[in-house]
N, C-alpha and C. Protein backbone atom coordinates (compact mmCIF):
# COMPACT_ATOMS: atom_id res chain seq x y z
N UNK A 1 8.07 5.24 -2.04
CA UNK A 1 6.66 5.56 -2.17
C UNK A 1 6.13 6.02 -0.82
N UNK A 2 5.36 7.08 -0.81
CA UNK A 2 4.75 7.56 0.42
C UNK A 2 3.28 7.83 0.18
N UNK A 3 2.54 7.91 1.27
CA UNK A 3 1.13 8.24 1.18
C UNK A 3 0.96 9.75 1.18
N UNK A 4 0.01 10.23 0.44
CA UNK A 4 -0.17 11.66 0.23
C UNK A 4 -0.50 12.40 1.52
N UNK A 5 0.47 13.15 2.04
CA UNK A 5 0.28 14.10 3.13
C UNK A 5 -0.17 13.47 4.44
N UNK A 6 -0.14 12.17 4.56
CA UNK A 6 -0.70 11.58 5.77
C UNK A 6 0.21 10.60 6.48
N UNK A 7 1.18 10.02 5.79
CA UNK A 7 1.92 8.94 6.44
C UNK A 7 3.31 8.81 5.87
N UNK A 8 4.18 8.14 6.60
CA UNK A 8 5.54 7.89 6.15
C UNK A 8 5.66 6.46 5.64
N UNK A 9 6.86 6.08 5.24
CA UNK A 9 7.04 4.76 4.65
C UNK A 9 6.78 3.65 5.65
N UNK A 10 7.01 3.90 6.93
CA UNK A 10 6.75 2.88 7.94
C UNK A 10 5.27 2.54 8.01
N UNK A 11 4.41 3.58 7.95
CA UNK A 11 2.97 3.33 7.99
C UNK A 11 2.52 2.65 6.70
N UNK A 12 3.12 3.06 5.58
CA UNK A 12 2.77 2.42 4.31
C UNK A 12 3.07 0.92 4.38
N UNK A 13 4.23 0.59 4.95
CA UNK A 13 4.58 -0.82 5.09
C UNK A 13 3.58 -1.55 5.96
N UNK A 14 3.13 -0.90 7.02
CA UNK A 14 2.14 -1.52 7.91
C UNK A 14 0.83 -1.76 7.18
N UNK A 15 0.36 -0.74 6.45
CA UNK A 15 -0.91 -0.86 5.76
C UNK A 15 -0.85 -1.90 4.66
N UNK A 16 0.30 -2.02 4.00
CA UNK A 16 0.42 -2.97 2.89
C UNK A 16 0.32 -4.40 3.37
N UNK A 17 0.56 -4.65 4.66
CA UNK A 17 0.49 -5.99 5.21
C UNK A 17 -0.73 -6.19 6.11
N UNK A 18 -1.49 -5.13 6.32
CA UNK A 18 -2.57 -5.18 7.31
C UNK A 18 -3.66 -6.14 6.87
N UNK A 19 -4.18 -6.88 7.82
CA UNK A 19 -5.22 -7.87 7.53
C UNK A 19 -6.57 -7.45 8.08
N UNK A 20 -6.77 -6.14 8.25
CA UNK A 20 -8.03 -5.62 8.75
C UNK A 20 -8.40 -4.39 7.94
N UNK A 21 -9.64 -3.94 7.97
CA UNK A 21 -9.98 -2.69 7.29
C UNK A 21 -9.09 -1.56 7.80
N UNK A 22 -8.53 -0.75 6.88
CA UNK A 22 -7.52 0.21 7.29
C UNK A 22 -7.86 1.65 6.95
N UNK A 23 -9.03 1.90 6.38
CA UNK A 23 -9.33 3.26 5.96
C UNK A 23 -9.30 4.27 7.09
N UNK A 24 -9.56 3.82 8.33
CA UNK A 24 -9.59 4.75 9.45
C UNK A 24 -8.22 5.33 9.76
N UNK A 25 -7.15 4.71 9.22
CA UNK A 25 -5.82 5.23 9.49
C UNK A 25 -5.49 6.44 8.61
N UNK A 26 -6.26 6.66 7.57
CA UNK A 26 -5.95 7.72 6.64
C UNK A 26 -6.49 9.04 7.15
N UNK A 27 -5.60 9.92 7.56
CA UNK A 27 -5.98 11.25 8.04
C UNK A 27 -4.94 12.26 7.60
N UNK A 28 -5.37 13.49 7.43
CA UNK A 28 -4.45 14.58 7.15
C UNK A 28 -4.00 15.19 8.47
N UNK A 29 -2.71 15.25 8.68
CA UNK A 29 -2.18 15.79 9.93
C UNK A 29 -2.04 17.30 9.84
N UNK A 30 -2.58 17.99 10.82
CA UNK A 30 -2.48 19.45 10.88
C UNK A 30 -2.07 19.83 12.30
N UNK A 31 -1.59 21.06 12.51
CA UNK A 31 -1.25 21.49 13.87
C UNK A 31 -2.41 21.37 14.84
N UNK A 32 -3.63 21.48 14.32
CA UNK A 32 -4.81 21.42 15.18
C UNK A 32 -5.31 19.99 15.41
N UNK A 33 -4.67 19.03 14.76
CA UNK A 33 -5.11 17.65 14.89
C UNK A 33 -5.22 16.99 13.53
N UNK A 34 -5.99 15.94 13.44
CA UNK A 34 -6.14 15.22 12.18
C UNK A 34 -7.50 15.52 11.56
N UNK A 35 -7.51 15.59 10.24
CA UNK A 35 -8.72 15.88 9.49
C UNK A 35 -8.96 14.77 8.47
N UNK A 36 -10.22 14.56 8.06
CA UNK A 36 -10.48 13.57 7.01
C UNK A 36 -9.75 13.97 5.73
N UNK A 37 -9.44 12.98 4.90
CA UNK A 37 -8.77 13.26 3.63
C UNK A 37 -9.71 13.92 2.63
N UNK A 38 -9.14 14.72 1.77
CA UNK A 38 -9.89 15.25 0.65
C UNK A 38 -10.07 14.13 -0.37
N UNK A 39 -11.04 14.25 -1.29
CA UNK A 39 -11.20 13.22 -2.32
C UNK A 39 -9.92 12.97 -3.11
N UNK A 40 -9.15 14.03 -3.42
CA UNK A 40 -7.92 13.84 -4.17
C UNK A 40 -6.88 13.06 -3.36
N UNK A 41 -6.78 13.35 -2.05
CA UNK A 41 -5.85 12.60 -1.21
C UNK A 41 -6.27 11.14 -1.10
N UNK A 42 -7.57 10.89 -1.01
CA UNK A 42 -8.05 9.52 -0.96
C UNK A 42 -7.65 8.78 -2.23
N UNK A 43 -7.82 9.43 -3.37
CA UNK A 43 -7.49 8.78 -4.63
C UNK A 43 -6.00 8.52 -4.75
N UNK A 44 -5.18 9.49 -4.32
CA UNK A 44 -3.73 9.31 -4.38
C UNK A 44 -3.29 8.14 -3.52
N UNK A 45 -3.84 8.05 -2.31
CA UNK A 45 -3.50 6.95 -1.42
C UNK A 45 -3.98 5.61 -1.99
N UNK A 46 -5.17 5.62 -2.54
CA UNK A 46 -5.73 4.41 -3.10
C UNK A 46 -4.85 3.88 -4.23
N UNK A 47 -4.35 4.78 -5.09
CA UNK A 47 -3.49 4.37 -6.20
C UNK A 47 -2.14 3.86 -5.69
N UNK A 48 -1.62 4.50 -4.64
CA UNK A 48 -0.34 4.05 -4.08
C UNK A 48 -0.47 2.65 -3.49
N UNK A 49 -1.58 2.42 -2.77
CA UNK A 49 -1.78 1.12 -2.15
C UNK A 49 -2.13 0.06 -3.18
N UNK A 50 -2.71 0.46 -4.31
CA UNK A 50 -2.96 -0.50 -5.39
C UNK A 50 -1.64 -1.01 -5.95
N UNK A 51 -0.64 -0.15 -6.00
CA UNK A 51 0.69 -0.58 -6.44
C UNK A 51 1.29 -1.57 -5.45
N UNK A 52 1.08 -1.31 -4.16
CA UNK A 52 1.58 -2.22 -3.14
C UNK A 52 0.95 -3.59 -3.30
N UNK A 53 -0.32 -3.62 -3.70
CA UNK A 53 -1.05 -4.88 -3.77
C UNK A 53 -0.48 -5.83 -4.80
N UNK A 54 0.39 -5.34 -5.70
CA UNK A 54 0.96 -6.21 -6.71
C UNK A 54 2.07 -7.10 -6.16
N UNK A 55 2.46 -6.88 -4.90
CA UNK A 55 3.46 -7.74 -4.29
C UNK A 55 2.93 -9.16 -4.15
N UNK A 56 3.81 -10.16 -4.13
CA UNK A 56 3.36 -11.56 -4.03
C UNK A 56 2.52 -11.80 -2.79
N UNK A 57 1.51 -12.63 -2.93
CA UNK A 57 0.68 -13.01 -1.80
C UNK A 57 1.36 -14.14 -1.02
N UNK A 58 0.78 -14.53 0.11
CA UNK A 58 1.29 -15.68 0.85
C UNK A 58 1.38 -16.89 -0.06
N UNK A 59 0.36 -17.09 -0.89
CA UNK A 59 0.41 -18.09 -1.95
C UNK A 59 0.22 -17.34 -3.26
N UNK A 60 1.12 -17.53 -4.27
CA UNK A 60 1.06 -16.74 -5.50
C UNK A 60 -0.28 -16.89 -6.20
N UNK A 61 -0.65 -15.83 -6.96
CA UNK A 61 -1.93 -15.85 -7.65
C UNK A 61 -2.03 -16.98 -8.67
N UNK A 62 -0.89 -17.42 -9.22
CA UNK A 62 -0.96 -18.49 -10.22
C UNK A 62 -1.11 -19.86 -9.57
N UNK A 63 -1.00 -19.92 -8.25
CA UNK A 63 -1.24 -21.16 -7.52
C UNK A 63 -2.73 -21.46 -7.57
N UNK A 64 -3.09 -22.61 -8.10
CA UNK A 64 -4.50 -22.93 -8.31
C UNK A 64 -5.16 -23.58 -7.10
N UNK A 65 -4.50 -23.52 -5.94
CA UNK A 65 -5.12 -24.05 -4.73
C UNK A 65 -6.54 -23.50 -4.61
N UNK A 66 -7.55 -24.36 -4.55
CA UNK A 66 -8.93 -23.88 -4.65
C UNK A 66 -9.50 -23.27 -3.38
N UNK A 67 -8.74 -23.27 -2.28
CA UNK A 67 -9.28 -22.73 -1.04
C UNK A 67 -8.19 -21.95 -0.32
N UNK A 68 -8.60 -20.83 0.25
CA UNK A 68 -7.70 -20.00 1.04
C UNK A 68 -8.44 -19.58 2.31
N UNK A 69 -7.74 -18.91 3.17
CA UNK A 69 -8.33 -18.42 4.41
C UNK A 69 -7.94 -16.96 4.61
N UNK A 70 -8.82 -16.20 5.21
CA UNK A 70 -8.58 -14.79 5.46
C UNK A 70 -8.90 -14.50 6.93
N UNK A 71 -7.93 -13.92 7.63
CA UNK A 71 -8.12 -13.57 9.03
C UNK A 71 -8.71 -12.17 9.14
N UNK A 72 -9.79 -12.05 9.88
CA UNK A 72 -10.52 -10.80 10.03
C UNK A 72 -10.83 -10.59 11.51
N UNK A 73 -10.66 -9.38 11.99
CA UNK A 73 -10.92 -9.12 13.41
C UNK A 73 -12.42 -9.14 13.72
N UNK A 74 -12.80 -9.74 14.85
CA UNK A 74 -14.17 -9.59 15.33
C UNK A 74 -14.41 -8.11 15.70
N UNK A 75 -15.60 -7.57 15.54
CA UNK A 75 -16.84 -8.26 15.17
C UNK A 75 -17.06 -8.40 13.67
N UNK A 76 -16.12 -7.91 12.84
CA UNK A 76 -16.32 -7.97 11.39
C UNK A 76 -16.48 -9.42 10.93
N UNK A 77 -15.69 -10.33 11.49
CA UNK A 77 -15.81 -11.73 11.11
C UNK A 77 -17.18 -12.29 11.49
N UNK A 78 -17.70 -11.88 12.63
CA UNK A 78 -19.03 -12.33 13.06
C UNK A 78 -20.12 -11.81 12.13
N UNK A 79 -19.94 -10.58 11.66
CA UNK A 79 -20.94 -9.99 10.76
C UNK A 79 -20.94 -10.71 9.41
N UNK A 80 -19.77 -11.17 8.97
CA UNK A 80 -19.71 -11.93 7.73
C UNK A 80 -20.36 -13.30 7.92
N UNK A 81 -20.18 -13.89 9.09
CA UNK A 81 -20.69 -15.24 9.34
C UNK A 81 -22.21 -15.31 9.39
N UNK A 82 -22.88 -14.17 9.55
CA UNK A 82 -24.34 -14.17 9.55
C UNK A 82 -24.84 -14.66 8.19
N UNK A 83 -25.85 -15.49 8.19
CA UNK A 83 -26.33 -16.07 6.93
C UNK A 83 -27.47 -15.28 6.30
N UNK A 84 -27.99 -14.29 6.99
CA UNK A 84 -29.04 -13.44 6.44
C UNK A 84 -28.39 -12.37 5.57
N UNK A 85 -28.48 -12.53 4.26
CA UNK A 85 -27.80 -11.61 3.34
C UNK A 85 -28.32 -10.18 3.46
N UNK A 86 -29.50 -10.00 3.99
CA UNK A 86 -30.07 -8.67 4.09
C UNK A 86 -29.36 -7.81 5.14
N UNK A 87 -28.79 -8.43 6.15
CA UNK A 87 -28.13 -7.68 7.22
C UNK A 87 -26.65 -8.00 7.34
N UNK A 88 -26.23 -9.12 6.78
CA UNK A 88 -24.84 -9.56 6.95
C UNK A 88 -23.87 -8.69 6.16
N UNK A 89 -22.61 -8.78 6.52
CA UNK A 89 -21.54 -8.06 5.84
C UNK A 89 -21.08 -8.92 4.66
N UNK A 90 -21.31 -8.44 3.46
CA UNK A 90 -20.95 -9.19 2.27
C UNK A 90 -19.86 -8.48 1.45
N UNK A 91 -19.34 -7.41 1.97
CA UNK A 91 -18.18 -6.73 1.39
C UNK A 91 -17.08 -6.68 2.44
N UNK A 92 -15.91 -7.19 2.09
CA UNK A 92 -14.74 -7.09 2.97
C UNK A 92 -13.81 -6.02 2.38
N UNK A 93 -13.42 -5.07 3.20
CA UNK A 93 -12.62 -3.93 2.74
C UNK A 93 -11.14 -4.22 2.93
N UNK A 94 -10.37 -4.08 1.85
CA UNK A 94 -8.93 -4.32 1.88
C UNK A 94 -8.22 -3.23 1.10
N UNK A 95 -6.98 -2.95 1.49
CA UNK A 95 -6.19 -1.96 0.74
C UNK A 95 -5.36 -2.64 -0.33
N UNK A 96 -5.57 -3.92 -0.55
CA UNK A 96 -4.87 -4.66 -1.60
C UNK A 96 -5.85 -5.57 -2.30
N UNK A 97 -5.45 -6.03 -3.47
CA UNK A 97 -6.32 -6.89 -4.26
C UNK A 97 -5.57 -8.16 -4.66
N UNK A 98 -6.28 -9.07 -5.28
CA UNK A 98 -5.69 -10.33 -5.73
C UNK A 98 -6.49 -10.85 -6.91
N UNK A 99 -5.82 -11.61 -7.77
CA UNK A 99 -6.53 -12.23 -8.90
C UNK A 99 -7.15 -13.57 -8.50
N UNK A 100 -6.82 -14.04 -7.30
CA UNK A 100 -7.34 -15.34 -6.88
C UNK A 100 -8.84 -15.27 -6.62
N UNK A 101 -9.54 -16.34 -6.99
CA UNK A 101 -10.96 -16.49 -6.68
C UNK A 101 -11.19 -17.93 -6.24
N UNK A 102 -12.10 -18.15 -5.33
CA UNK A 102 -12.40 -19.50 -4.90
C UNK A 102 -13.09 -19.54 -3.56
N UNK A 103 -13.01 -20.69 -2.91
CA UNK A 103 -13.63 -20.89 -1.60
C UNK A 103 -12.76 -20.25 -0.53
N UNK A 104 -13.37 -19.42 0.29
CA UNK A 104 -12.64 -18.64 1.27
C UNK A 104 -13.14 -18.95 2.68
N UNK A 105 -12.25 -19.44 3.52
CA UNK A 105 -12.58 -19.63 4.92
C UNK A 105 -12.45 -18.29 5.64
N UNK A 106 -13.42 -17.97 6.47
CA UNK A 106 -13.39 -16.74 7.26
C UNK A 106 -12.87 -17.09 8.65
N UNK A 107 -11.71 -16.55 8.98
CA UNK A 107 -11.08 -16.84 10.26
C UNK A 107 -11.18 -15.61 11.16
N UNK A 108 -11.72 -15.78 12.34
CA UNK A 108 -11.83 -14.69 13.31
C UNK A 108 -10.50 -14.55 14.04
N UNK A 109 -9.91 -13.37 13.98
CA UNK A 109 -8.66 -13.14 14.67
C UNK A 109 -8.84 -13.12 16.17
N UNK A 110 -7.74 -13.11 16.88
CA UNK A 110 -7.80 -13.11 18.35
C UNK A 110 -7.98 -11.71 18.92
N UNK A 111 -7.70 -10.69 18.11
CA UNK A 111 -7.81 -9.30 18.57
C UNK A 111 -9.13 -8.70 18.12
N UNK A 112 -9.87 -8.12 19.04
CA UNK A 112 -11.18 -7.54 18.75
C UNK A 112 -11.01 -6.07 18.36
N UNK A 113 -11.77 -5.63 17.36
CA UNK A 113 -11.80 -4.21 16.99
C UNK A 113 -12.81 -3.53 17.92
N UNK A 114 -12.31 -3.00 19.01
CA UNK A 114 -13.19 -2.43 20.04
C UNK A 114 -13.95 -1.23 19.52
N UNK A 115 -13.33 -0.44 18.65
CA UNK A 115 -14.04 0.73 18.12
C UNK A 115 -15.24 0.32 17.29
N UNK A 116 -15.12 -0.80 16.60
CA UNK A 116 -16.23 -1.26 15.77
C UNK A 116 -17.45 -1.63 16.60
N UNK A 117 -17.22 -2.09 17.82
CA UNK A 117 -18.33 -2.49 18.68
C UNK A 117 -19.22 -1.32 19.05
N UNK A 118 -18.69 -0.09 18.94
CA UNK A 118 -19.47 1.09 19.29
C UNK A 118 -20.23 1.66 18.10
N UNK A 119 -20.00 1.13 16.90
CA UNK A 119 -20.67 1.65 15.71
C UNK A 119 -22.14 1.25 15.71
N UNK A 120 -22.99 2.20 15.33
CA UNK A 120 -24.42 1.96 15.33
C UNK A 120 -24.82 0.76 14.49
N UNK A 121 -24.25 0.65 13.28
CA UNK A 121 -24.62 -0.45 12.39
C UNK A 121 -24.27 -1.80 12.98
N UNK A 122 -23.15 -1.86 13.68
CA UNK A 122 -22.74 -3.12 14.30
C UNK A 122 -23.66 -3.47 15.46
N UNK A 123 -23.96 -2.49 16.29
CA UNK A 123 -24.82 -2.72 17.46
C UNK A 123 -26.24 -3.09 17.03
N UNK A 124 -26.70 -2.55 15.90
CA UNK A 124 -28.03 -2.87 15.41
C UNK A 124 -28.11 -4.30 14.87
N UNK A 125 -26.99 -4.79 14.37
CA UNK A 125 -26.98 -6.09 13.69
C UNK A 125 -26.73 -7.24 14.65
N UNK A 126 -25.83 -7.05 15.60
CA UNK A 126 -25.52 -8.11 16.56
C UNK A 126 -26.33 -7.90 17.84
N UNK A 127 -26.87 -8.97 18.38
CA UNK A 127 -27.64 -8.88 19.62
C UNK A 127 -26.76 -8.39 20.76
N UNK A 128 -27.38 -7.75 21.73
CA UNK A 128 -26.63 -7.22 22.88
C UNK A 128 -25.86 -8.31 23.62
N UNK A 129 -26.43 -9.50 23.66
CA UNK A 129 -25.78 -10.59 24.39
C UNK A 129 -24.95 -11.49 23.47
N UNK A 130 -24.69 -11.02 22.26
CA UNK A 130 -23.91 -11.83 21.32
C UNK A 130 -22.48 -11.98 21.81
N UNK A 131 -21.96 -13.19 21.78
CA UNK A 131 -20.59 -13.46 22.21
C UNK A 131 -19.69 -13.59 20.98
N UNK A 132 -18.71 -12.71 20.88
CA UNK A 132 -17.80 -12.72 19.75
C UNK A 132 -16.97 -14.00 19.74
N UNK A 133 -16.73 -14.51 18.54
CA UNK A 133 -15.88 -15.68 18.37
C UNK A 133 -14.48 -15.20 18.02
N UNK A 134 -13.48 -15.71 18.72
CA UNK A 134 -12.10 -15.28 18.51
C UNK A 134 -11.21 -16.49 18.27
N UNK A 135 -10.21 -16.30 17.38
CA UNK A 135 -9.23 -17.34 17.15
C UNK A 135 -9.77 -18.63 16.58
N UNK A 136 -10.72 -18.52 15.63
CA UNK A 136 -11.32 -19.73 15.08
C UNK A 136 -11.88 -19.45 13.69
N UNK A 137 -11.99 -20.49 12.89
CA UNK A 137 -12.69 -20.39 11.60
C UNK A 137 -14.18 -20.38 11.89
N UNK A 138 -14.88 -19.39 11.35
CA UNK A 138 -16.29 -19.21 11.69
C UNK A 138 -17.24 -19.37 10.52
N UNK A 139 -16.73 -19.33 9.28
CA UNK A 139 -17.63 -19.40 8.13
C UNK A 139 -16.86 -19.81 6.88
N UNK A 140 -17.62 -20.23 5.89
CA UNK A 140 -17.09 -20.52 4.56
C UNK A 140 -17.83 -19.63 3.58
N UNK A 141 -17.09 -19.05 2.63
CA UNK A 141 -17.70 -18.16 1.64
C UNK A 141 -17.02 -18.38 0.30
N UNK A 142 -17.56 -17.76 -0.73
CA UNK A 142 -16.89 -17.68 -2.03
C UNK A 142 -16.41 -16.26 -2.23
N UNK A 143 -15.15 -16.10 -2.63
CA UNK A 143 -14.69 -14.79 -3.08
C UNK A 143 -15.09 -14.68 -4.54
N UNK A 144 -16.22 -13.99 -4.76
CA UNK A 144 -16.82 -13.95 -6.09
C UNK A 144 -16.22 -12.89 -6.99
N UNK A 145 -15.65 -11.84 -6.40
CA UNK A 145 -15.08 -10.76 -7.20
C UNK A 145 -14.50 -9.69 -6.31
N UNK A 146 -13.78 -8.78 -6.93
CA UNK A 146 -13.21 -7.63 -6.23
C UNK A 146 -13.36 -6.42 -7.14
N UNK A 147 -13.86 -5.33 -6.59
CA UNK A 147 -13.94 -4.11 -7.39
C UNK A 147 -13.33 -2.94 -6.62
N UNK A 148 -12.87 -1.96 -7.37
CA UNK A 148 -12.27 -0.78 -6.76
C UNK A 148 -13.35 0.05 -6.08
N UNK A 149 -12.91 0.96 -5.23
CA UNK A 149 -13.82 1.82 -4.48
C UNK A 149 -14.82 2.49 -5.43
N UNK A 150 -16.10 2.21 -5.23
CA UNK A 150 -17.14 2.81 -6.06
C UNK A 150 -18.18 3.49 -5.18
N UNK A 151 -17.72 3.95 -4.01
CA UNK A 151 -18.66 4.55 -3.07
C UNK A 151 -19.22 3.49 -2.15
N UNK A 152 -20.34 3.77 -1.54
CA UNK A 152 -20.93 2.84 -0.59
C UNK A 152 -21.85 1.87 -1.32
N UNK A 153 -21.25 0.81 -1.89
CA UNK A 153 -22.07 -0.18 -2.60
C UNK A 153 -22.91 -0.97 -1.61
N UNK A 154 -22.47 -1.04 -0.36
CA UNK A 154 -23.28 -1.58 0.73
C UNK A 154 -23.00 -0.71 1.95
N UNK A 155 -23.75 -0.89 3.00
CA UNK A 155 -23.51 -0.07 4.18
C UNK A 155 -22.23 -0.48 4.90
N UNK A 156 -21.66 -1.63 4.52
CA UNK A 156 -20.42 -2.07 5.13
C UNK A 156 -19.20 -1.69 4.30
N UNK A 157 -19.39 -1.03 3.17
CA UNK A 157 -18.27 -0.67 2.30
C UNK A 157 -17.51 0.52 2.86
N UNK A 158 -16.23 0.56 2.57
CA UNK A 158 -15.36 1.62 3.09
C UNK A 158 -14.65 2.33 1.96
N UNK A 159 -14.63 3.66 2.02
CA UNK A 159 -13.97 4.43 0.99
C UNK A 159 -12.46 4.18 1.00
N UNK A 160 -11.86 4.27 -0.19
CA UNK A 160 -10.42 4.13 -0.30
C UNK A 160 -9.92 2.71 -0.21
N UNK A 161 -10.81 1.73 -0.33
CA UNK A 161 -10.42 0.32 -0.24
C UNK A 161 -10.94 -0.45 -1.45
N UNK A 162 -10.33 -1.60 -1.70
CA UNK A 162 -10.91 -2.55 -2.62
C UNK A 162 -12.04 -3.26 -1.90
N UNK A 163 -13.12 -3.50 -2.63
CA UNK A 163 -14.29 -4.15 -2.05
C UNK A 163 -14.33 -5.61 -2.50
N UNK A 164 -14.09 -6.50 -1.56
CA UNK A 164 -14.11 -7.94 -1.85
C UNK A 164 -15.53 -8.44 -1.72
N UNK A 165 -16.04 -9.07 -2.76
CA UNK A 165 -17.43 -9.50 -2.83
C UNK A 165 -17.54 -10.95 -2.34
N UNK A 166 -18.28 -11.14 -1.26
CA UNK A 166 -18.45 -12.46 -0.66
C UNK A 166 -19.83 -13.02 -0.98
N UNK A 167 -19.89 -14.29 -1.33
CA UNK A 167 -21.15 -14.93 -1.69
C UNK A 167 -21.21 -16.33 -1.08
N UNK A 168 -22.40 -16.90 -1.04
CA UNK A 168 -22.63 -18.27 -0.56
C UNK A 168 -22.01 -18.49 0.81
N UNK A 169 -22.28 -17.59 1.71
CA UNK A 169 -21.70 -17.69 3.05
C UNK A 169 -22.46 -18.74 3.87
N UNK A 170 -21.71 -19.64 4.46
CA UNK A 170 -22.26 -20.64 5.38
C UNK A 170 -21.54 -20.55 6.70
N UNK A 171 -22.30 -20.44 7.75
CA UNK A 171 -21.73 -20.34 9.09
C UNK A 171 -21.34 -21.72 9.61
N UNK A 172 -20.22 -21.80 10.30
CA UNK A 172 -19.85 -23.04 10.96
C UNK A 172 -20.71 -23.20 12.22
N UNK A 173 -21.42 -24.30 12.32
CA UNK A 173 -22.20 -24.56 13.53
C UNK A 173 -21.28 -24.64 14.73
N UNK A 174 -20.11 -25.24 14.51
CA UNK A 174 -19.09 -25.34 15.55
C UNK A 174 -17.81 -24.67 15.05
N UNK A 175 -17.48 -23.46 15.52
CA UNK A 175 -16.24 -22.81 15.11
C UNK A 175 -15.03 -23.70 15.44
N UNK A 176 -14.04 -23.66 14.57
CA UNK A 176 -12.86 -24.52 14.75
C UNK A 176 -11.65 -23.65 15.07
N UNK A 177 -11.06 -23.81 16.25
CA UNK A 177 -9.89 -23.00 16.62
C UNK A 177 -8.75 -23.16 15.64
N UNK A 178 -8.09 -22.06 15.34
CA UNK A 178 -6.96 -22.08 14.42
C UNK A 178 -6.17 -20.79 14.58
N UNK A 179 -4.90 -20.86 14.26
CA UNK A 179 -4.07 -19.66 14.27
C UNK A 179 -4.20 -18.98 12.92
N UNK A 180 -4.29 -17.64 12.95
CA UNK A 180 -4.44 -16.89 11.72
C UNK A 180 -3.11 -16.48 11.12
N UNK A 181 -3.20 -15.73 10.05
CA UNK A 181 -2.01 -15.21 9.37
C UNK A 181 -2.42 -13.99 8.58
N UNK A 182 -1.46 -13.32 7.97
CA UNK A 182 -1.74 -12.14 7.16
C UNK A 182 -1.98 -12.54 5.71
N UNK A 183 -2.63 -11.60 5.00
CA UNK A 183 -2.97 -11.83 3.60
C UNK A 183 -3.80 -13.11 3.46
N UNK A 184 -3.86 -13.64 2.24
CA UNK A 184 -4.53 -14.91 2.01
C UNK A 184 -3.56 -16.03 2.42
N UNK A 185 -4.05 -16.98 3.18
CA UNK A 185 -3.18 -18.07 3.59
C UNK A 185 -3.86 -19.40 3.35
N UNK A 186 -3.02 -20.44 3.20
CA UNK A 186 -3.53 -21.76 2.89
C UNK A 186 -3.86 -22.54 4.16
N UNK A 187 -5.09 -23.01 4.27
CA UNK A 187 -5.40 -23.88 5.40
C UNK A 187 -4.77 -25.26 5.15
N UNK A 188 -4.31 -25.90 6.20
CA UNK A 188 -3.72 -27.23 6.06
C UNK A 188 -4.81 -28.27 5.85
N UNK A 189 -4.47 -29.41 5.24
CA UNK A 189 -5.45 -30.50 5.14
C UNK A 189 -6.00 -30.91 6.50
N UNK A 190 -5.15 -30.85 7.52
CA UNK A 190 -5.60 -31.21 8.87
C UNK A 190 -6.69 -30.26 9.35
N UNK A 191 -6.51 -28.96 9.09
CA UNK A 191 -7.52 -27.98 9.50
C UNK A 191 -8.82 -28.21 8.74
N UNK A 192 -8.73 -28.50 7.45
CA UNK A 192 -9.94 -28.76 6.68
C UNK A 192 -10.68 -29.98 7.20
N UNK A 193 -9.93 -31.02 7.57
CA UNK A 193 -10.58 -32.21 8.14
C UNK A 193 -11.24 -31.90 9.47
N UNK A 194 -10.59 -31.09 10.28
CA UNK A 194 -11.19 -30.71 11.57
C UNK A 194 -12.49 -29.93 11.35
N UNK A 195 -12.52 -29.09 10.32
CA UNK A 195 -13.72 -28.31 10.04
C UNK A 195 -14.87 -29.22 9.62
N UNK A 196 -14.59 -30.16 8.71
CA UNK A 196 -15.67 -31.03 8.24
C UNK A 196 -16.09 -32.03 9.31
N UNK A 197 -15.15 -32.48 10.16
CA UNK A 197 -15.53 -33.39 11.24
C UNK A 197 -16.48 -32.70 12.22
N UNK A 198 -16.22 -31.41 12.51
CA UNK A 198 -17.06 -30.68 13.46
C UNK A 198 -18.31 -30.11 12.80
N UNK A 199 -18.31 -30.01 11.48
CA UNK A 199 -19.42 -29.39 10.75
C UNK A 199 -19.75 -30.26 9.53
N UNK A 200 -20.40 -31.39 9.75
CA UNK A 200 -20.68 -32.32 8.63
C UNK A 200 -21.44 -31.69 7.48
N UNK A 201 -22.22 -30.64 7.74
CA UNK A 201 -22.99 -30.02 6.67
C UNK A 201 -22.08 -29.36 5.62
N UNK A 202 -20.80 -29.18 5.93
CA UNK A 202 -19.87 -28.58 4.99
C UNK A 202 -19.02 -29.61 4.26
N UNK A 203 -19.23 -30.89 4.55
CA UNK A 203 -18.39 -31.93 3.97
C UNK A 203 -18.40 -31.91 2.45
N UNK A 204 -19.60 -31.80 1.88
CA UNK A 204 -19.69 -31.78 0.42
C UNK A 204 -19.01 -30.58 -0.20
N UNK A 205 -19.18 -29.45 0.41
CA UNK A 205 -18.61 -28.22 -0.16
C UNK A 205 -17.08 -28.23 -0.10
N UNK A 206 -16.52 -28.78 0.97
CA UNK A 206 -15.08 -28.74 1.15
C UNK A 206 -14.38 -30.00 0.67
N UNK A 207 -15.14 -30.98 0.19
CA UNK A 207 -14.53 -32.26 -0.21
C UNK A 207 -13.51 -32.07 -1.31
N UNK A 208 -13.90 -31.38 -2.39
CA UNK A 208 -12.98 -31.20 -3.52
C UNK A 208 -11.79 -30.33 -3.14
N UNK A 209 -12.03 -29.30 -2.35
CA UNK A 209 -10.93 -28.42 -1.97
C UNK A 209 -9.97 -29.13 -1.04
N UNK A 210 -10.49 -30.03 -0.20
CA UNK A 210 -9.65 -30.80 0.69
C UNK A 210 -8.72 -31.70 -0.11
N UNK A 211 -9.27 -32.34 -1.15
CA UNK A 211 -8.46 -33.21 -1.99
C UNK A 211 -7.42 -32.40 -2.75
N UNK A 212 -7.80 -31.20 -3.18
CA UNK A 212 -6.88 -30.36 -3.93
C UNK A 212 -5.74 -29.83 -3.08
N UNK A 213 -5.95 -29.77 -1.77
CA UNK A 213 -4.92 -29.22 -0.90
C UNK A 213 -3.79 -30.22 -0.67
N UNK A 214 -4.02 -31.49 -0.99
CA UNK A 214 -2.96 -32.48 -0.81
C UNK A 214 -3.07 -33.15 0.55
N UNK A 215 -2.27 -34.16 0.72
CA UNK A 215 -2.31 -34.93 1.95
C UNK A 215 -1.55 -34.25 3.06
């Protein structure tokens, strides 16, 4: 399987495992440089990556574990952690999908998306003196649904990606350091206890999921 006119199998493999928004990698290569994809090329790539998404997740979809974690590069993770739904990022863009739904921990990766910091929408939303959080769980959300690319359903939506719908976002008053992983990953009971110990306001919400995760 290859991507339409833009990439080889090595890049496809990278994108299929990528844990960050990846639409910016899609370009048509020409002798004069790279050009944006045509709508048909976007659709072809989207369908190819949808096939990739059927590969097993870190935890299989039939696993009923009620809580998972998703690693996202700052500042995107910080934008999700904002509790004001009017300005916060409530769509997470992925090139893969999953049937899993439940409580989702938002983990800020250690690598910052420097290009994102220059985007007007990001600069307008985060204060100039805002300090990015890296390498820590920063919020709790519900993965309420996932829909295919339907255009810009929000200003944070990205073409050619699945749009993950986030709801009931609560920011951690005290971010909890943790190592991230790719795809959806299971937080350990120890990590869940550390989160609730540092953020008592989340104890009720995470109590059942903590018990479900096992000892």
